[in-house]
């Protein structure tokens, strides 16, 4: 019984929480704004290209690979894609 309790605690502790909003607030909001209106997500770029840009940088944007943990660039891009879809739908 004690084993099951400890196992349940360790499983729940290892589940990653969604930190995508926190990551955006920490790394992106200063340049790209709170309302996401300054994010140049071109429709022809793929998710993989966007992740590469977050990690390696682009015109005027510094690389963030050295600051981000494993999977953080993917979380940021997923957050941006989700939020910009909502933003586009409101237009």
C-alpha atoms as a PDB file:
ATOM      1  CA  UNK A   1       0.000   0.000   0.000  1.00  0.00           C
ATOM      2  CA  UNK A   2       2.772   2.410   0.907  1.00  0.00           C
ATOM      3  CA  UNK A   3       4.548   1.484  -2.331  1.00  0.00           C
ATOM      4  CA  UNK A   4       1.461   2.427  -4.364  1.00  0.00           C
ATOM      5  CA  UNK A   5       1.188   5.763  -2.575  1.00  0.00           C
ATOM      6  CA  UNK A   6       4.852   6.587  -3.233  1.00  0.00           C
ATOM      7  CA  UNK A   7       4.520   5.454  -6.854  1.00  0.00           C
ATOM      8  CA  UNK A   8       1.434   7.648  -7.354  1.00  0.00           C
ATOM      9  CA  UNK A   9       3.252  10.655  -5.919  1.00  0.00           C
ATOM     10  CA  UNK A  10       6.266  10.128  -8.156  1.00  0.00           C
ATOM     11  CA  UNK A  11       4.108   9.765 -11.288  1.00  0.00           C
ATOM     12  CA  UNK A  12       2.101  12.887 -10.560  1.00  0.00           C
ATOM     13  CA  UNK A  13       5.258  14.835  -9.729  1.00  0.00           C
ATOM     14  CA  UNK A  14       6.875  13.934 -13.048  1.00  0.00           C
ATOM     15  CA  UNK A  15       3.945  15.019 -15.228  1.00  0.00           C
ATOM     16  CA  UNK A  16       4.956  18.270 -16.903  1.00  0.00           C
ATOM     17  CA  UNK A  17       2.641  21.181 -16.356  1.00  0.00           C
ATOM     18  CA  UNK A  18       1.832  23.443 -19.266  1.00  0.00           C
ATOM     19  CA  UNK A  19       4.376  26.235 -18.950  1.00  0.00           C
ATOM     20  CA  UNK A  20       3.862  27.654 -22.431  1.00  0.00           C
ATOM     21  CA  UNK A  21       2.260  30.871 -21.218  1.00  0.00           C
ATOM     22  CA  UNK A  22       5.040  31.387 -18.657  1.00  0.00           C
ATOM     23  CA  UNK A  23       7.661  30.809 -21.334  1.00  0.00           C
ATOM     24  CA  UNK A  24       6.041  33.370 -23.618  1.00  0.00           C
ATOM     25  CA  UNK A  25       5.903  35.857 -20.738  1.00  0.00           C
ATOM     26  CA  UNK A  26       9.564  35.257 -19.913  1.00  0.00           C
ATOM     27  CA  UNK A  27      11.153  35.230 -23.350  1.00  0.00           C
ATOM     28  CA  UNK A  28       8.816  36.704 -25.961  1.00  0.00           C
ATOM     29  CA  UNK A  29       6.441  39.322 -24.604  1.00  0.00           C
ATOM     30  CA  UNK A  30       8.944  42.205 -24.558  1.00  0.00           C
ATOM     31  CA  UNK A  31       9.337  42.156 -28.335  1.00  0.00           C
ATOM     32  CA  UNK A  32       6.186  40.425 -29.540  1.00  0.00           C
ATOM     33  CA  UNK A  33       3.643  42.042 -27.242  1.00  0.00           C
ATOM     34  CA  UNK A  34       0.913  40.855 -24.934  1.00  0.00           C
ATOM     35  CA  UNK A  35      -1.792  40.612 -27.579  1.00  0.00           C
ATOM     36  CA  UNK A  36       0.387  38.530 -29.946  1.00  0.00           C
ATOM     37  CA  UNK A  37      -0.178  41.055 -32.730  1.00  0.00           C
ATOM     38  CA  UNK A  38       3.575  41.469 -33.328  1.00  0.00           C
ATOM     39  CA  UNK A  39       4.244  37.805 -34.080  1.00  0.00           C
ATOM     40  CA  UNK A  40       5.189  37.220 -37.709  1.00  0.00           C
ATOM     41  CA  UNK A  41       3.836  33.672 -38.054  1.00  0.00           C
ATOM     42  CA  UNK A  42       3.732  33.247 -41.786  1.00  0.00           C
ATOM     43  CA  UNK A  43       1.152  30.716 -42.896  1.00  0.00           C
ATOM     44  CA  UNK A  44       3.625  29.026 -45.242  1.00  0.00           C
ATOM     45  CA  UNK A  45       6.088  28.147 -42.460  1.00  0.00           C
ATOM     46  CA  UNK A  46       5.841  24.794 -40.755  1.00  0.00           C
ATOM     47  CA  UNK A  47       5.847  24.139 -37.047  1.00  0.00           C
ATOM     48  CA  UNK A  48       9.327  22.643 -37.372  1.00  0.00           C
ATOM     49  CA  UNK A  49      10.634  25.806 -39.059  1.00  0.00           C
ATOM     50  CA  UNK A  50       9.120  27.928 -36.293  1.00  0.00           C
ATOM     51  CA  UNK A  51      10.788  25.787 -33.632  1.00  0.00           C
ATOM     52  CA  UNK A  52      14.105  26.155 -35.451  1.00  0.00           C
ATOM     53  CA  UNK A  53      13.657  29.939 -35.498  1.00  0.00           C
ATOM     54  CA  UNK A  54      12.978  30.050 -31.751  1.00  0.00           C
ATOM     55  CA  UNK A  55      16.074  27.959 -31.120  1.00  0.00           C
ATOM     56  CA  UNK A  56      18.429  29.509 -33.717  1.00  0.00           C
ATOM     57  CA  UNK A  57      17.079  33.031 -34.111  1.00  0.00           C
ATOM     58  CA  UNK A  58      16.076  34.995 -37.197  1.00  0.00           C
ATOM     59  CA  UNK A  59      16.242  38.553 -38.541  1.00  0.00           C
ATOM     60  CA  UNK A  60      16.495  40.705 -35.437  1.00  0.00           C
ATOM     61  CA  UNK A  61      15.559  37.836 -33.113  1.00  0.00           C
ATOM     62  CA  UNK A  62      18.268  36.260 -30.958  1.00  0.00           C
ATOM     63  CA  UNK A  63      18.649  32.495 -30.564  1.00  0.00           C
ATOM     64  CA  UNK A  64      17.105  31.001 -27.435  1.00  0.00           C
ATOM     65  CA  UNK A  65      18.333  27.393 -27.585  1.00  0.00           C
ATOM     66  CA  UNK A  66      20.946  28.060 -24.929  1.00  0.00           C
ATOM     67  CA  UNK A  67      18.313  29.409 -22.513  1.00  0.00           C
ATOM     68  CA  UNK A  68      15.495  26.939 -23.045  1.00  0.00           C
ATOM     69  CA  UNK A  69      15.046  23.517 -21.513  1.00  0.00           C
ATOM     70  CA  UNK A  70      14.274  20.451 -23.614  1.00  0.00           C
ATOM     71  CA  UNK A  71      10.859  20.874 -25.241  1.00  0.00           C
ATOM     72  CA  UNK A  72      10.441  24.563 -24.349  1.00  0.00           C
ATOM     73  CA  UNK A  73      10.798  25.817 -27.935  1.00  0.00           C
ATOM     74  CA  UNK A  74       8.085  23.365 -28.949  1.00  0.00           C
ATOM     75  CA  UNK A  75       5.863  24.618 -26.112  1.00  0.00           C
ATOM     76  CA  UNK A  76       6.357  28.249 -27.163  1.00  0.00           C
ATOM     77  CA  UNK A  77       5.530  27.521 -30.801  1.00  0.00           C
ATOM     78  CA  UNK A  78       2.447  25.478 -29.868  1.00  0.00           C
ATOM     79  CA  UNK A  79       1.286  28.346 -27.643  1.00  0.00           C
ATOM     80  CA  UNK A  80       1.838  30.905 -30.410  1.00  0.00           C
ATOM     81  CA  UNK A  81       0.072  28.777 -33.013  1.00  0.00           C
ATOM     82  CA  UNK A  82      -2.897  28.204 -30.733  1.00  0.00           C
ATOM     83  CA  UNK A  83      -3.205  31.843 -29.687  1.00  0.00           C
ATOM     84  CA  UNK A  84      -2.761  33.251 -33.193  1.00  0.00           C
ATOM     85  CA  UNK A  85      -5.482  30.923 -34.494  1.00  0.00           C
ATOM     86  CA  UNK A  86      -7.810  32.366 -31.865  1.00  0.00           C
ATOM     87  CA  UNK A  87      -6.620  35.886 -32.700  1.00  0.00           C
ATOM     88  CA  UNK A  88      -7.174  35.301 -36.449  1.00  0.00           C
ATOM     89  CA  UNK A  89     -10.659  33.923 -35.802  1.00  0.00           C
ATOM     90  CA  UNK A  90     -11.598  37.104 -33.929  1.00  0.00           C
ATOM     91  CA  UNK A  91     -10.657  39.348 -36.865  1.00  0.00           C
END
